[in-house]
């Protein structure tokens, strides 16, 4: 099976498909694969901010300027409170109007700047968030939260190098913030930078040991840096903290299977299938593990269901063809092995199994051609799966 090499495999969607958790300032996900989202509540970031407004101290002969400034300050505070309430209720248009008006009256009000950037981010107006965020961080170069949210705006728009630049700057200012460590790790994971992602997630779980998702992602980072034993520990920790964490048993099963501990892996896959019965990736890997354990008859229905849900899964098509061949249904095996070869033309493995199936059905010439094709592909890609194996794990 393929290595974990993308956020989709981790159960995380591409950045533009992510949802934003305003209560944590953190980019959290909802996808068919991972299926995990955190309960959304609205951030109260401005409640703890000191709203400093510069008033005239030039000893003017009358109090008019001071009174006018006080009135403006009160109006700005009222606009911010209205913006906060609108953001709480999900009325993003009203929130934007209030925060924008507050900034027009007081461009250097930090709360208003934060509110408008978060509103743009929440509403998915990413370019506006980026444009405004760059102005805001210029006004407030020591504001780690603004830099954090600007980084997330770049992340959600698919500009990962820029996202990492600002997230790293935010971390330099506030390294003890869980959300900043976690979100930086998300970007690194999407870029397949598993080692640096593991560093950030190690820091994150120290700051918040009870966060199950952080443990799952740390385990995935370990799995992809040849630290499978440590990965298993993280997956078990996540399940101890949250036994129902979506795909927790799946990730643990995958790691166990990669060490050849198939009986333990099958028990975990069985647990996951009970909560994710229609997840094609879970079914495909469950079927693969059953096949690797020699139970191809049990593997066949799992693989068929995975392909019914996700017809483009070349590995599942290969495994199904191989299982059918082992169960003496060579004719049907040919259909699925040909499908696997079509879906992944550079993989030699289906051609080897296809040659075997064609031999069993008396098609010697076609079998010879498939063996030749297997040899050509194997020579071109010596790192791919061998004769009797599927794609490498």
Protein backbone atom coordinates (compact mmCIF):
# COMPACT_ATOMS: atom_id res chain seq x y z
CA UNK A 1 0.00 0.00 0.00
CA UNK A 2 1.20 3.53 -0.58
CA UNK A 3 2.93 5.53 2.09
CA UNK A 4 1.06 8.24 3.91
CA UNK A 5 2.06 11.19 1.75
CA UNK A 6 -0.65 13.80 1.73
CA UNK A 7 -3.12 15.57 3.95
CA UNK A 8 -5.89 13.72 2.17
CA UNK A 9 -4.40 10.45 3.39
CA UNK A 10 -4.13 11.93 6.87
CA UNK A 11 -7.78 12.63 6.74
CA UNK A 12 -7.18 16.33 6.13
CA UNK A 13 -8.50 18.16 3.11
CA UNK A 14 -6.61 20.61 0.92
CA UNK A 15 -6.45 24.04 2.58
CA UNK A 16 -9.28 25.62 0.60
CA UNK A 17 -11.61 22.85 1.73
CA UNK A 18 -10.82 23.34 5.41
CA UNK A 19 -13.04 25.02 7.94
CA UNK A 20 -11.72 27.45 10.51
CA UNK A 21 -12.30 27.05 14.23
CA UNK A 22 -12.62 30.56 15.55
CA UNK A 23 -12.50 29.41 19.15
CA UNK A 24 -8.94 28.20 18.78
CA UNK A 25 -7.57 30.25 15.92
CA UNK A 26 -6.77 26.90 14.43
CA UNK A 27 -7.46 25.40 10.99
CA UNK A 28 -9.47 22.29 11.66
CA UNK A 29 -10.86 19.93 9.16
CA UNK A 30 -13.89 18.08 8.00
CA UNK A 31 -13.44 15.53 5.24
CA UNK A 32 -14.91 12.22 4.13
CA UNK A 33 -11.68 10.48 5.10
CA UNK A 34 -10.74 11.86 8.44
CA UNK A 35 -14.23 13.03 9.30
CA UNK A 36 -13.01 15.03 12.32
CA UNK A 37 -14.15 18.50 13.36
CA UNK A 38 -13.94 20.32 16.64
CA UNK A 39 -16.89 22.02 18.25
CA UNK A 40 -16.97 25.62 17.06
CA UNK A 41 -17.27 28.46 19.52
CA UNK A 42 -16.34 32.05 18.84
CA UNK A 43 -13.06 33.51 19.95
CA UNK A 44 -13.14 36.23 22.52
CA UNK A 45 -9.74 37.56 21.63
CA UNK A 46 -10.57 41.19 22.07
CA UNK A 47 -11.89 40.72 25.61
CA UNK A 48 -8.38 40.49 27.00
CA UNK A 49 -6.84 43.26 24.93
CA UNK A 50 -6.05 46.66 26.34
CA UNK A 51 -7.60 49.17 23.96
CA UNK A 52 -5.11 52.05 24.06
CA UNK A 53 -6.21 55.22 22.32
CA UNK A 54 -3.89 58.21 22.01
CA UNK A 55 -5.63 61.37 23.15
CA UNK A 56 -4.35 64.87 22.78
CA UNK A 57 -2.05 65.90 25.62
CA UNK A 58 -0.96 69.21 24.23
CA UNK A 59 -2.76 71.32 26.90
CA UNK A 60 -5.21 72.83 24.43
CA UNK A 61 -7.02 75.87 25.74
CA UNK A 62 -10.43 74.19 25.58
CA UNK A 63 -11.66 70.65 26.19
CA UNK A 64 -13.36 70.23 22.80
CA UNK A 65 -10.60 68.02 21.33
CA UNK A 66 -10.54 65.77 24.38
CA UNK A 67 -14.34 65.43 24.39
CA UNK A 68 -14.33 64.66 20.64
CA UNK A 69 -11.63 62.02 21.08
CA UNK A 70 -13.53 60.44 23.96
CA UNK A 71 -16.67 60.27 21.85
CA UNK A 72 -14.72 58.66 19.01
CA UNK A 73 -13.19 56.14 21.41
CA UNK A 74 -16.61 55.21 22.75
CA UNK A 75 -17.95 54.83 19.21
CA UNK A 76 -15.03 52.60 18.23
CA UNK A 77 -15.56 50.40 21.28
CA UNK A 78 -19.27 50.13 20.48
CA UNK A 79 -18.49 49.15 16.88
CA UNK A 80 -16.05 46.49 18.06
CA UNK A 81 -18.64 45.10 20.47
CA UNK A 82 -21.19 44.97 17.66
CA UNK A 83 -18.65 43.29 15.41
CA UNK A 84 -17.93 40.73 18.11
CA UNK A 85 -21.62 40.00 18.57
CA UNK A 86 -22.14 39.65 14.82
CA UNK A 87 -19.19 37.29 14.55
CA UNK A 88 -20.59 35.27 17.47
CA UNK A 89 -23.89 34.89 15.66
CA UNK A 90 -22.33 34.11 12.29
CA UNK A 91 -23.45 37.37 10.69
CA UNK A 92 -20.17 37.96 8.90
CA UNK A 93 -21.42 40.82 6.71
CA UNK A 94 -22.45 42.82 9.77
CA UNK A 95 -19.21 41.93 11.54
CA UNK A 96 -17.20 43.20 8.58
CA UNK A 97 -19.18 46.45 8.43
CA UNK A 98 -18.64 47.17 12.13
CA UNK A 99 -14.95 46.31 12.21
CA UNK A 100 -14.31 48.26 8.99
CA UNK A 101 -16.03 51.34 10.39
CA UNK A 102 -14.04 51.01 13.62
CA UNK A 103 -10.80 50.94 11.63
CA UNK A 104 -11.83 54.00 9.64
CA UNK A 105 -12.27 55.88 12.91
CA UNK A 106 -9.23 54.35 14.62
CA UNK A 107 -6.82 52.69 12.15
CA UNK A 108 -4.47 51.64 14.93
CA UNK A 109 -7.02 49.92 17.12
CA UNK A 110 -5.61 46.42 17.54
CA UNK A 111 -8.93 44.78 18.38
CA UNK A 112 -10.59 46.16 15.27
CA UNK A 113 -7.70 44.98 13.09
CA UNK A 114 -7.88 41.51 14.58
CA UNK A 115 -11.63 41.40 14.19
CA UNK A 116 -11.60 42.34 10.52
CA UNK A 117 -8.84 39.88 9.64
CA UNK A 118 -10.65 37.04 11.41
CA UNK A 119 -13.94 37.99 9.75
CA UNK A 120 -12.35 37.87 6.30
CA UNK A 121 -10.80 34.52 7.13
CA UNK A 122 -14.07 33.12 8.47
CA UNK A 123 -16.00 34.27 5.43
CA UNK A 124 -13.54 32.70 3.00
CA UNK A 125 -12.46 35.98 1.42
CA UNK A 126 -8.90 34.83 1.41
CA UNK A 127 -7.35 37.44 -0.85
CA UNK A 128 -8.94 40.19 1.19
CA UNK A 129 -7.67 38.51 4.34
CA UNK A 130 -4.17 38.36 2.86
CA UNK A 131 -4.21 41.96 1.67
CA UNK A 132 -5.56 43.32 4.93
CA UNK A 133 -3.45 40.96 7.03
CA UNK A 134 -0.25 42.26 5.46
CA UNK A 135 -1.29 45.80 6.38
CA UNK A 136 -2.25 44.76 9.90
CA UNK A 137 1.06 43.02 10.64
CA UNK A 138 2.85 46.14 9.47
CA UNK A 139 0.86 48.18 11.98
CA UNK A 140 1.38 45.59 14.73
CA UNK A 141 4.67 43.78 14.03
CA UNK A 142 4.67 42.13 17.47
CA UNK A 143 1.14 40.73 17.25
CA UNK A 144 1.59 36.97 16.96
CA UNK A 145 -2.14 36.32 16.50
CA UNK A 146 -2.34 38.56 13.45
CA UNK A 147 0.68 36.79 11.98
CA UNK A 148 -0.90 33.42 12.80
CA UNK A 149 -4.14 34.28 11.02
CA UNK A 150 -2.29 35.76 8.05
CA UNK A 151 -0.40 32.49 7.79
CA UNK A 152 -3.70 30.59 7.82
CA UNK A 153 -5.08 32.81 5.08
CA UNK A 154 -2.08 31.93 2.91
CA UNK A 155 -2.50 28.24 3.83
CA UNK A 156 -6.16 28.16 2.89
CA UNK A 157 -5.34 29.83 -0.41
CA UNK A 158 -2.74 27.18 -1.19
CA UNK A 159 0.33 29.40 -0.71
CA UNK A 160 2.24 27.23 1.71
CA UNK A 161 5.68 28.91 1.58
CA UNK A 162 4.13 32.23 2.57
CA UNK A 163 2.00 30.49 5.18
CA UNK A 164 5.06 28.95 6.80
CA UNK A 165 6.87 32.28 6.79
CA UNK A 166 4.16 33.95 8.87
CA UNK A 167 3.42 30.95 11.07
CA UNK A 168 7.10 30.67 11.96
CA UNK A 169 7.19 34.39 12.77
CA UNK A 170 4.17 33.94 15.03
CA UNK A 171 5.89 31.03 16.78
CA UNK A 172 8.98 33.11 17.39
CA UNK A 173 6.81 35.57 19.28
CA UNK A 174 4.65 33.05 21.12
CA UNK A 175 6.14 29.53 21.03
CA UNK A 176 3.93 28.36 23.89
CA UNK A 177 0.71 28.63 21.85
CA UNK A 178 -0.74 25.20 21.04
CA UNK A 179 -2.76 26.43 18.05
CA UNK A 180 0.26 28.01 16.39
CA UNK A 181 2.32 24.85 16.79
CA UNK A 182 -0.57 22.71 15.54
CA UNK A 183 -1.39 24.84 12.49
CA UNK A 184 2.26 25.10 11.48
CA UNK A 185 2.39 21.31 11.59
CA UNK A 186 -0.64 21.10 9.26
CA UNK A 187 1.16 23.11 6.60
CA UNK A 188 4.32 21.03 6.99
CA UNK A 189 2.33 17.82 6.72
CA UNK A 190 0.71 18.97 3.51
CA UNK A 191 4.19 19.71 2.13
CA UNK A 192 5.32 16.21 3.16
CA UNK A 193 7.82 17.74 5.59
CA UNK A 194 7.18 15.02 8.13
CA UNK A 195 10.28 15.56 10.27
CA UNK A 196 9.67 19.27 10.93
CA UNK A 197 5.95 18.52 11.35
CA UNK A 198 6.80 15.98 14.05
CA UNK A 199 8.87 18.64 15.85
CA UNK A 200 5.92 21.04 15.90
CA UNK A 201 3.48 18.35 16.99
CA UNK A 202 5.80 17.20 19.78
CA UNK A 203 5.71 20.77 21.06
CA UNK A 204 1.93 20.87 20.62
CA UNK A 205 1.22 17.72 22.65
CA UNK A 206 3.46 18.98 25.45
CA UNK A 207 1.35 22.12 25.58
CA UNK A 208 -1.93 20.21 25.34
CA UNK A 209 -1.47 16.51 26.11
CA UNK A 210 -5.22 15.85 25.94
CA UNK A 211 -5.60 16.75 22.27
CA UNK A 212 -6.30 13.46 20.50
CA UNK A 213 -6.01 14.81 16.97
CA UNK A 214 -2.54 16.18 17.68
CA UNK A 215 -1.46 12.71 18.84
CA UNK A 216 -2.91 11.13 15.70
CA UNK A 217 -1.07 13.56 13.46
CA UNK A 218 2.15 13.13 15.44
CA UNK A 219 1.79 9.38 14.97
CA UNK A 220 1.35 9.89 11.24
CA UNK A 221 4.46 12.07 11.10
CA UNK A 222 6.40 9.38 12.97
CA UNK A 223 5.06 6.69 10.63
CA UNK A 224 6.44 8.60 7.67
CA UNK A 225 9.86 9.09 9.24
CA UNK A 226 10.42 5.38 9.97
CA UNK A 227 9.45 5.68 13.62
CA UNK A 228 6.57 3.21 13.55
CA UNK A 229 6.91 2.06 17.16
CA UNK A 230 6.60 5.65 18.34
CA UNK A 231 3.70 6.14 15.91
CA UNK A 232 1.83 3.24 17.50
CA UNK A 233 2.35 4.79 20.93
CA UNK A 234 0.82 8.06 19.73
CA UNK A 235 -2.18 6.37 18.14
CA UNK A 236 -2.81 4.43 21.34
CA UNK A 237 -2.54 7.62 23.39
CA UNK A 238 -5.09 9.30 21.13
CA UNK A 239 -7.51 6.40 21.54
CA UNK A 240 -7.01 6.36 25.30
CA UNK A 241 -7.95 10.03 25.47
CA UNK A 242 -10.77 9.76 22.94
CA UNK A 243 -11.85 6.18 22.18
CA UNK A 244 -14.21 7.45 19.50
CA UNK A 245 -11.74 9.66 17.63
CA UNK A 246 -12.56 9.19 13.94
CA UNK A 247 -10.09 6.92 12.16
CA UNK A 248 -7.99 6.46 15.27
CA UNK A 249 -8.27 2.68 15.01
CA UNK A 250 -7.57 2.89 11.29
CA UNK A 251 -4.27 4.70 11.78
CA UNK A 252 -3.24 2.29 14.53
CA UNK A 253 -4.15 -0.68 12.31
CA UNK A 254 -2.14 0.70 9.41
CA UNK A 255 0.94 1.13 11.60
CA UNK A 256 0.61 -2.36 13.09
CA UNK A 257 0.21 -3.89 9.63
CA UNK A 258 3.33 -2.10 8.41
CA UNK A 259 5.25 -4.06 11.07
CA UNK A 260 3.63 -7.33 10.01
CA UNK A 261 1.47 -7.47 13.14
CA UNK A 262 -1.55 -8.42 11.06
CA UNK A 263 -3.67 -10.10 13.73
CA UNK A 264 -3.51 -6.96 15.89
CA UNK A 265 -4.12 -4.78 12.84
CA UNK A 266 -7.20 -6.76 11.83
CA UNK A 267 -8.71 -6.26 15.30
CA UNK A 268 -8.24 -2.50 14.93
CA UNK A 269 -9.64 -2.45 11.39
CA UNK A 270 -12.70 -4.29 12.64
CA UNK A 271 -13.25 -1.63 15.30
CA UNK A 272 -12.88 1.14 12.72
CA UNK A 273 -15.28 -0.46 10.25
CA UNK A 274 -17.99 -0.45 12.91
CA UNK A 275 -17.83 3.35 13.09
CA UNK A 276 -16.82 4.00 9.46
CA UNK A 277 -18.61 1.26 7.50
CA UNK A 278 -18.71 3.21 4.25
CA UNK A 279 -15.21 4.65 4.21
CA UNK A 280 -13.56 3.28 1.05
CA UNK A 281 -10.00 3.76 2.26
CA UNK A 282 -10.66 1.93 5.52
CA UNK A 283 -12.34 -0.91 3.61
CA UNK A 284 -9.51 -1.08 1.08
CA UNK A 285 -6.81 -1.30 3.74
CA UNK A 286 -8.86 -3.76 5.77
CA UNK A 287 -9.20 -5.93 2.67
CA UNK A 288 -5.47 -5.63 1.96
CA UNK A 289 -4.63 -6.75 5.49
CA UNK A 290 -7.02 -9.71 5.22
CA UNK A 291 -5.39 -10.67 1.93
CA UNK A 292 -1.91 -10.37 3.44
CA UNK A 293 -3.08 -12.61 6.29
CA UNK A 294 -4.19 -15.31 3.84
CA UNK A 295 -7.93 -14.76 4.29
CA UNK A 296 -8.70 -13.75 0.71
CA UNK A 297 -12.28 -14.95 0.90
CA UNK A 298 -13.01 -12.39 3.62
CA UNK A 299 -11.00 -9.79 1.76
CA UNK A 300 -13.09 -9.98 -1.41
CA UNK A 301 -16.33 -8.38 -0.11
CA UNK A 302 -14.39 -5.60 1.65
CA UNK A 303 -12.48 -4.79 -1.53
CA UNK A 304 -15.58 -4.94 -3.70
CA UNK A 305 -17.36 -2.49 -1.41
CA UNK A 306 -14.34 -0.16 -1.38
CA UNK A 307 -14.34 -0.11 -5.18
CA UNK A 308 -18.09 0.44 -5.36
CA UNK A 309 -17.58 3.53 -3.20
CA UNK A 310 -14.36 4.67 -4.89
CA UNK A 311 -13.92 3.10 -8.35
CA UNK A 312 -10.57 4.82 -9.02
CA UNK A 313 -8.64 3.01 -6.28
CA UNK A 314 -5.96 1.14 -8.21
CA UNK A 315 -4.54 -0.63 -5.14
CA UNK A 316 -7.96 -2.00 -4.21
CA UNK A 317 -8.52 -3.19 -7.79
CA UNK A 318 -5.14 -4.94 -7.72
CA UNK A 319 -5.86 -6.56 -4.35
CA UNK A 320 -9.30 -7.69 -5.49
CA UNK A 321 -7.86 -9.22 -8.66
CA UNK A 322 -5.22 -11.03 -6.65
CA UNK A 323 -7.78 -12.28 -4.10
CA UNK A 324 -10.06 -13.56 -6.86
CA UNK A 325 -7.15 -15.32 -8.51
CA UNK A 326 -6.27 -17.00 -5.22
CA UNK A 327 -9.90 -18.09 -4.87
CA UNK A 328 -9.74 -19.72 -8.35
CA UNK A 329 -11.91 -17.14 -10.10
CA UNK A 330 -9.34 -16.30 -12.74
CA UNK A 331 -11.83 -14.90 -15.24
CA UNK A 332 -13.11 -12.23 -12.86
CA UNK A 333 -9.58 -11.63 -11.58
CA UNK A 334 -8.54 -10.67 -15.12
CA UNK A 335 -11.18 -7.94 -15.21
CA UNK A 336 -9.94 -6.31 -12.01
CA UNK A 337 -6.25 -6.72 -12.75
CA UNK A 338 -6.76 -5.07 -16.14
CA UNK A 339 -8.59 -2.29 -14.33
CA UNK A 340 -5.68 -1.89 -11.89
CA UNK A 341 -3.23 -1.67 -14.80
CA UNK A 342 -5.37 1.00 -16.45
CA UNK A 343 -5.60 3.06 -13.26
CA UNK A 344 -1.87 2.87 -12.54
CA UNK A 345 -0.04 2.22 -15.83
CA UNK A 346 3.44 2.52 -14.31
CA UNK A 347 2.91 -0.23 -11.71
CA UNK A 348 4.33 -3.59 -12.82
CA UNK A 349 2.51 -5.69 -10.19
CA UNK A 350 -0.88 -6.02 -11.94
CA UNK A 351 0.83 -7.28 -15.10
CA UNK A 352 2.52 -10.11 -13.24
CA UNK A 353 -0.73 -11.25 -11.63
CA UNK A 354 -2.56 -10.73 -14.92
CA UNK A 355 -0.10 -13.06 -16.66
CA UNK A 356 -0.85 -15.73 -14.06
CA UNK A 357 -4.59 -15.30 -14.49
CA UNK A 358 -4.34 -15.46 -18.28
CA UNK A 359 -2.28 -18.64 -18.06
CA UNK A 360 -4.99 -20.20 -15.90
CA UNK A 361 -7.62 -19.38 -18.51
CA UNK A 362 -5.52 -20.77 -21.36
CA UNK A 363 -4.50 -17.44 -22.92
CA UNK A 364 -0.80 -18.21 -23.24
CA UNK A 365 0.07 -15.56 -25.80
CA UNK A 366 -1.58 -12.79 -23.82
CA UNK A 367 0.10 -14.10 -20.68
CA UNK A 368 3.49 -13.90 -22.39
CA UNK A 369 2.81 -10.30 -23.40
CA UNK A 370 1.88 -9.40 -19.82
CA UNK A 371 5.05 -10.97 -18.47
CA UNK A 372 7.04 -8.94 -20.95
CA UNK A 373 5.22 -5.79 -19.88
CA UNK A 374 5.89 -6.62 -16.25
CA UNK A 375 9.63 -7.03 -16.96
CA UNK A 376 9.78 -3.70 -18.80
CA UNK A 377 8.05 -1.81 -16.03
CA UNK A 378 10.03 -3.56 -13.34
CA UNK A 379 13.28 -2.58 -15.02
CA UNK A 380 12.12 1.02 -15.36
CA UNK A 381 10.96 1.18 -11.74
CA UNK A 382 13.03 -1.22 -9.64
CA UNK A 383 11.56 0.20 -6.42
CA UNK A 384 7.97 -0.86 -7.14
CA UNK A 385 6.29 -3.99 -5.82
CA UNK A 386 7.71 -7.36 -6.70
CA UNK A 387 6.23 -10.36 -8.43
CA UNK A 388 4.11 -11.69 -5.66
CA UNK A 389 3.43 -8.44 -3.88
CA UNK A 390 1.21 -5.50 -4.42
CA UNK A 391 2.38 -1.91 -4.28
CA UNK A 392 4.85 -1.31 -1.50
CA UNK A 393 3.74 0.00 1.87
